[in-house]
Amino acid sequence: MDAILLIFFATVPWIIWVLIYYFREMRKERG
């Protein structure tokens, strides 16, 4: 398997999770 694809599939779900968590925290602060 290509190393670039391996890195891509390993990092993309993590980035999505971080963005979801970040937007949740923003909503909590605003109420």
N, C-alpha and C. Protein backbone atom coordinates (compact mmCIF):
# COMPACT_ATOMS: atom_id res chain seq x y z
N MET A 1 0.85 -1.21 0.00
CA MET A 1 0.00 0.00 0.00
C MET A 1 0.88 1.25 0.00
N ASP A 2 0.41 2.27 -0.65
CA ASP A 2 1.18 3.52 -0.73
C ASP A 2 1.19 4.23 0.64
N ALA A 3 2.34 4.75 0.99
CA ALA A 3 2.48 5.42 2.29
C ALA A 3 1.59 6.65 2.39
N ILE A 4 1.45 7.38 1.28
CA ILE A 4 0.61 8.59 1.30
C ILE A 4 -0.84 8.23 1.61
N LEU A 5 -1.33 7.15 1.00
CA LEU A 5 -2.70 6.73 1.27
C LEU A 5 -2.85 6.29 2.72
N LEU A 6 -1.85 5.60 3.24
CA LEU A 6 -1.90 5.15 4.63
C LEU A 6 -2.00 6.34 5.58
N ILE A 7 -1.18 7.35 5.34
CA ILE A 7 -1.21 8.57 6.17
C ILE A 7 -2.56 9.27 6.01
N PHE A 8 -3.06 9.33 4.77
CA PHE A 8 -4.33 10.00 4.50
C PHE A 8 -5.47 9.36 5.28
N PHE A 9 -5.59 8.04 5.19
CA PHE A 9 -6.68 7.34 5.88
C PHE A 9 -6.50 7.35 7.39
N ALA A 10 -5.27 7.55 7.85
CA ALA A 10 -5.03 7.58 9.30
C ALA A 10 -5.33 8.95 9.89
N THR A 11 -5.16 10.01 9.10
CA THR A 11 -5.30 11.37 9.64
C THR A 11 -6.68 11.99 9.38
N VAL A 12 -7.29 11.67 8.24
CA VAL A 12 -8.57 12.31 7.89
C VAL A 12 -9.65 12.08 8.96
N PRO A 13 -9.89 10.84 9.43
CA PRO A 13 -10.92 10.66 10.46
C PRO A 13 -10.61 11.42 11.75
N TRP A 14 -9.32 11.53 12.08
CA TRP A 14 -8.91 12.26 13.29
C TRP A 14 -9.22 13.74 13.14
N ILE A 15 -8.94 14.31 11.96
CA ILE A 15 -9.22 15.72 11.70
C ILE A 15 -10.73 15.98 11.79
N ILE A 16 -11.53 15.08 11.21
CA ILE A 16 -12.99 15.24 11.26
C ILE A 16 -13.46 15.21 12.71
N TRP A 17 -12.91 14.29 13.52
CA TRP A 17 -13.31 14.18 14.92
C TRP A 17 -12.97 15.46 15.69
N VAL A 18 -11.79 16.01 15.42
CA VAL A 18 -11.37 17.24 16.10
C VAL A 18 -12.29 18.41 15.73
N LEU A 19 -12.67 18.49 14.45
CA LEU A 19 -13.55 19.58 14.02
C LEU A 19 -14.92 19.46 14.67
N ILE A 20 -15.46 18.24 14.76
CA ILE A 20 -16.76 18.03 15.41
C ILE A 20 -16.68 18.44 16.88
N TYR A 21 -15.60 18.02 17.55
CA TYR A 21 -15.43 18.35 18.97
C TYR A 21 -15.31 19.87 19.17
N TYR A 22 -14.57 20.52 18.25
CA TYR A 22 -14.37 21.96 18.35
C TYR A 22 -15.69 22.71 18.21
N PHE A 23 -16.52 22.32 17.23
CA PHE A 23 -17.79 23.01 17.04
C PHE A 23 -18.74 22.75 18.20
N ARG A 24 -18.66 21.58 18.80
CA ARG A 24 -19.50 21.31 19.98
C ARG A 24 -19.13 22.23 21.12
N GLU A 25 -17.83 22.41 21.34
CA GLU A 25 -17.37 23.29 22.41
C GLU A 25 -17.78 24.73 22.16
N MET A 26 -17.73 25.17 20.91
CA MET A 26 -18.14 26.53 20.57
C MET A 26 -19.62 26.73 20.89
N ARG A 27 -20.44 25.72 20.62
CA ARG A 27 -21.86 25.84 20.91
C ARG A 27 -22.12 25.89 22.41
N LYS A 28 -21.34 25.14 23.18
CA LYS A 28 -21.51 25.14 24.63
C LYS A 28 -21.23 26.51 25.22
N GLU A 29 -20.18 27.17 24.73
CA GLU A 29 -19.81 28.48 25.26
C GLU A 29 -20.89 29.52 24.95
N ARG A 30 -21.47 29.45 23.77
CA ARG A 30 -22.50 30.43 23.40
C ARG A 30 -23.82 30.13 24.10
N GLY A 31 -24.08 28.87 24.40
CA GLY A 31 -25.32 28.47 25.02
C GLY A 31 -26.34 28.24 23.94
